[in-house]
C-alpha cells in the first residue's frame, strides 16, 4: 500500500510539474500571454514574473524537500488565476482543480518540509 501511495504521489507531482512548467515556458515564448495579461489589467511584464514562478516552482515539485513549498506557491498563483478568470466572465474551474491537486501534493509532501525546517531550527 505504501508503494502505491508513493507511486501515486510521484505521478501526480510529475503531471503537475508538466502542467505548470509548460505554460510557464510559454509565457516567455508566446506573445499571446503578454496580450492576455495586458487585457486583464496587469502591469507590463507581470506575465514574466508568473512565468518564472511557474517554471521554478513547477520544477520544485520534482524535488521531495521542495515539493510542499513549491505546491503552496503554485496554489497562490492558481488562486490569483481563479480570481482573474472569474472577474473576466469565466468559471475558473480548471484553476480550482489545479489548486486542489497542488494542495494534495503540499499535504502529502509536508513531512519533508517540516523535517527540513526542524533541522534548521535545531542547528540554530
C-alpha atoms as a PDB file:
ATOM      1  CA  UNK A   1       0.000   0.000   0.000  1.00  0.00           C
ATOM      2  CA  UNK A   2       2.823   2.398   0.841  1.00  0.00           C
ATOM      3  CA  UNK A   3       4.440   1.792  -2.549  1.00  0.00           C
ATOM      4  CA  UNK A   4       1.159   2.544  -4.339  1.00  0.00           C
ATOM      5  CA  UNK A   5       0.760   5.787  -2.362  1.00  0.00           C
ATOM      6  CA  UNK A   6       4.316   6.818  -3.196  1.00  0.00           C
ATOM      7  CA  UNK A   7       3.864   5.939  -6.882  1.00  0.00           C
ATOM      8  CA  UNK A   8       0.619   7.919  -6.994  1.00  0.00           C
ATOM      9  CA  UNK A   9       2.273  10.871  -5.290  1.00  0.00           C
ATOM     10  CA  UNK A  10       5.131  10.869  -7.787  1.00  0.00           C
ATOM     11  CA  UNK A  11       2.747  10.508 -10.714  1.00  0.00           C
ATOM     12  CA  UNK A  12       0.720  13.483  -9.509  1.00  0.00           C
ATOM     13  CA  UNK A  13       3.893  15.509  -8.952  1.00  0.00           C
ATOM     14  CA  UNK A  14       5.204  14.783 -12.440  1.00  0.00           C
ATOM     15  CA  UNK A  15       1.870  15.573 -14.096  1.00  0.00           C
ATOM     16  CA  UNK A  16       1.511  18.836 -12.188  1.00  0.00           C
ATOM     17  CA  UNK A  17       5.123  19.767 -12.894  1.00  0.00           C
ATOM     18  CA  UNK A  18       4.480  19.373 -16.618  1.00  0.00           C
ATOM     19  CA  UNK A  19       1.195  21.271 -16.302  1.00  0.00           C
ATOM     20  CA  UNK A  20       2.944  24.178 -14.551  1.00  0.00           C
ATOM     21  CA  UNK A  21       6.269  24.319 -16.401  1.00  0.00           C
ATOM     22  CA  UNK A  22       4.686  24.124 -19.872  1.00  0.00           C
ATOM     23  CA  UNK A  23       2.568  27.281 -19.586  1.00  0.00           C
ATOM     24  CA  UNK A  24       5.366  28.923 -17.606  1.00  0.00           C
ATOM     25  CA  UNK A  25       7.758  28.473 -20.527  1.00  0.00           C
ATOM     26  CA  UNK A  26       5.073  29.680 -22.941  1.00  0.00           C
ATOM     27  CA  UNK A  27       4.958  32.973 -21.082  1.00  0.00           C
ATOM     28  CA  UNK A  28       8.489  33.613 -22.398  1.00  0.00           C
ATOM     29  CA  UNK A  29       7.939  32.314 -25.923  1.00  0.00           C
ATOM     30  CA  UNK A  30       4.397  33.282 -26.902  1.00  0.00           C
ATOM     31  CA  UNK A  31       3.210  36.874 -27.380  1.00  0.00           C
ATOM     32  CA  UNK A  32      -0.320  35.735 -26.537  1.00  0.00           C
ATOM     33  CA  UNK A  33       0.406  35.847 -22.794  1.00  0.00           C
ATOM     34  CA  UNK A  34       1.594  39.442 -22.929  1.00  0.00           C
ATOM     35  CA  UNK A  35      -1.645  40.483 -24.629  1.00  0.00           C
ATOM     36  CA  UNK A  36      -3.796  38.447 -22.230  1.00  0.00           C
ATOM     37  CA  UNK A  37      -2.156  39.903 -19.127  1.00  0.00           C
ATOM     38  CA  UNK A  38      -2.497  43.407 -20.546  1.00  0.00           C
ATOM     39  CA  UNK A  39      -6.196  42.764 -21.300  1.00  0.00           C
ATOM     40  CA  UNK A  40      -6.698  41.537 -17.746  1.00  0.00           C
ATOM     41  CA  UNK A  41      -5.219  44.790 -16.428  1.00  0.00           C
ATOM     42  CA  UNK A  42      -1.927  43.527 -15.025  1.00  0.00           C
ATOM     43  CA  UNK A  43       1.252  45.627 -15.177  1.00  0.00           C
ATOM     44  CA  UNK A  44       3.714  45.234 -18.047  1.00  0.00           C
ATOM     45  CA  UNK A  45       5.972  42.193 -17.730  1.00  0.00           C
ATOM     46  CA  UNK A  46       3.907  40.679 -14.886  1.00  0.00           C
ATOM     47  CA  UNK A  47       3.389  37.654 -17.130  1.00  0.00           C
ATOM     48  CA  UNK A  48       7.157  37.097 -16.948  1.00  0.00           C
ATOM     49  CA  UNK A  49       7.071  37.084 -13.141  1.00  0.00           C
ATOM     50  CA  UNK A  50       4.307  34.480 -13.211  1.00  0.00           C
ATOM     51  CA  UNK A  51       6.258  32.515 -15.835  1.00  0.00           C
ATOM     52  CA  UNK A  52       9.355  32.399 -13.622  1.00  0.00           C
ATOM     53  CA  UNK A  53       7.291  31.281 -10.635  1.00  0.00           C
ATOM     54  CA  UNK A  54       5.578  28.561 -12.683  1.00  0.00           C
ATOM     55  CA  UNK A  55       8.841  27.236 -14.119  1.00  0.00           C
ATOM     56  CA  UNK A  56      10.866  27.315 -10.894  1.00  0.00           C
ATOM     57  CA  UNK A  57       8.099  26.083  -8.580  1.00  0.00           C
ATOM     58  CA  UNK A  58       6.942  23.557 -11.199  1.00  0.00           C
ATOM     59  CA  UNK A  59      10.445  22.098 -11.279  1.00  0.00           C
ATOM     60  CA  UNK A  60      10.454  22.249  -7.469  1.00  0.00           C
ATOM     61  CA  UNK A  61       7.527  19.833  -7.443  1.00  0.00           C
ATOM     62  CA  UNK A  62      10.006  17.160  -8.564  1.00  0.00           C
ATOM     63  CA  UNK A  63      12.277  17.671  -5.535  1.00  0.00           C
ATOM     64  CA  UNK A  64      10.754  15.980  -2.472  1.00  0.00           C
ATOM     65  CA  UNK A  65      12.068  18.556   0.015  1.00  0.00           C
ATOM     66  CA  UNK A  66      10.907  21.467  -2.160  1.00  0.00           C
ATOM     67  CA  UNK A  67       7.612  19.923  -3.289  1.00  0.00           C
ATOM     68  CA  UNK A  68       5.432  21.228  -0.435  1.00  0.00           C
ATOM     69  CA  UNK A  69       6.597  24.866  -0.530  1.00  0.00           C
ATOM     70  CA  UNK A  70       6.543  24.802  -4.343  1.00  0.00           C
ATOM     71  CA  UNK A  71       2.989  23.470  -4.298  1.00  0.00           C
ATOM     72  CA  UNK A  72       1.888  26.177  -1.842  1.00  0.00           C
ATOM     73  CA  UNK A  73       3.448  28.887  -4.015  1.00  0.00           C
ATOM     74  CA  UNK A  74       1.716  27.492  -7.097  1.00  0.00           C
ATOM     75  CA  UNK A  75      -1.550  27.313  -5.152  1.00  0.00           C
ATOM     76  CA  UNK A  76      -1.299  31.070  -4.646  1.00  0.00           C
ATOM     77  CA  UNK A  77      -0.704  31.539  -8.383  1.00  0.00           C
ATOM     78  CA  UNK A  78      -3.749  29.378  -9.143  1.00  0.00           C
ATOM     79  CA  UNK A  79      -5.830  31.365  -6.668  1.00  0.00           C
ATOM     80  CA  UNK A  80      -4.864  34.560  -8.470  1.00  0.00           C
ATOM     81  CA  UNK A  81      -5.617  32.913 -11.817  1.00  0.00           C
ATOM     82  CA  UNK A  82      -9.011  31.817 -10.499  1.00  0.00           C
ATOM     83  CA  UNK A  83      -9.969  35.339  -9.422  1.00  0.00           C
ATOM     84  CA  UNK A  84      -8.700  36.725 -12.728  1.00  0.00           C
ATOM     85  CA  UNK A  85     -10.855  34.271 -14.665  1.00  0.00           C
ATOM     86  CA  UNK A  86     -13.948  34.858 -12.529  1.00  0.00           C
ATOM     87  CA  UNK A  87     -13.693  38.643 -12.773  1.00  0.00           C
ATOM     88  CA  UNK A  88     -13.476  38.334 -16.557  1.00  0.00           C
ATOM     89  CA  UNK A  89     -16.570  36.208 -17.066  1.00  0.00           C
ATOM     90  CA  UNK A  90     -15.185  32.669 -16.896  1.00  0.00           C
ATOM     91  CA  UNK A  91     -15.793  29.917 -14.365  1.00  0.00           C
ATOM     92  CA  UNK A  92     -12.225  29.294 -13.184  1.00  0.00           C
ATOM     93  CA  UNK A  93     -12.958  25.606 -12.639  1.00  0.00           C
ATOM     94  CA  UNK A  94      -9.627  24.495 -14.099  1.00  0.00           C
ATOM     95  CA  UNK A  95      -7.719  26.763 -11.754  1.00  0.00           C
ATOM     96  CA  UNK A  96      -9.590  25.382  -8.746  1.00  0.00           C
ATOM     97  CA  UNK A  97      -8.847  21.809  -9.862  1.00  0.00           C
ATOM     98  CA  UNK A  98      -5.129  22.644 -10.040  1.00  0.00           C
ATOM     99  CA  UNK A  99      -5.387  24.425  -6.670  1.00  0.00           C
ATOM    100  CA  UNK A 100      -6.839  21.307  -5.045  1.00  0.00           C
ATOM    101  CA  UNK A 101      -4.329  18.933  -6.683  1.00  0.00           C
ATOM    102  CA  UNK A 102      -1.441  21.153  -5.599  1.00  0.00           C
ATOM    103  CA  UNK A 103      -2.941  21.126  -2.102  1.00  0.00           C
ATOM    104  CA  UNK A 104      -2.825  17.329  -2.175  1.00  0.00           C
ATOM    105  CA  UNK A 105       0.881  17.458  -3.064  1.00  0.00           C
ATOM    106  CA  UNK A 106       1.548  20.029  -0.322  1.00  0.00           C
ATOM    107  CA  UNK A 107      -0.207  17.768   2.180  1.00  0.00           C
ATOM    108  CA  UNK A 108       1.482  14.546   1.054  1.00  0.00           C
ATOM    109  CA  UNK A 109       4.962  16.106   0.999  1.00  0.00           C
ATOM    110  CA  UNK A 110       4.574  18.218   4.138  1.00  0.00           C
ATOM    111  CA  UNK A 111       6.811  15.874   6.118  1.00  0.00           C
ATOM    112  CA  UNK A 112       9.862  16.758   4.042  1.00  0.00           C
ATOM    113  CA  UNK A 113       9.224  20.453   4.594  1.00  0.00           C
ATOM    114  CA  UNK A 114       8.558  20.133   8.323  1.00  0.00           C
ATOM    115  CA  UNK A 115      11.586  17.889   8.921  1.00  0.00           C
ATOM    116  CA  UNK A 116      13.804  20.242   6.928  1.00  0.00           C
ATOM    117  CA  UNK A 117      12.652  23.254   8.949  1.00  0.00           C
ATOM    118  CA  UNK A 118      13.123  21.337  12.209  1.00  0.00           C
ATOM    119  CA  UNK A 119      16.752  20.561  11.246  1.00  0.00           C
ATOM    120  CA  UNK A 120      17.404  24.240  10.571  1.00  0.00           C
ATOM    121  CA  UNK A 121      15.829  25.254  13.897  1.00  0.00           C
ATOM    122  CA  UNK A 122      17.896  22.655  15.752  1.00  0.00           C
ATOM    123  CA  UNK A 123      21.098  23.929  14.147  1.00  0.00           C
ATOM    124  CA  UNK A 124      20.475  27.491  15.353  1.00  0.00           C
END
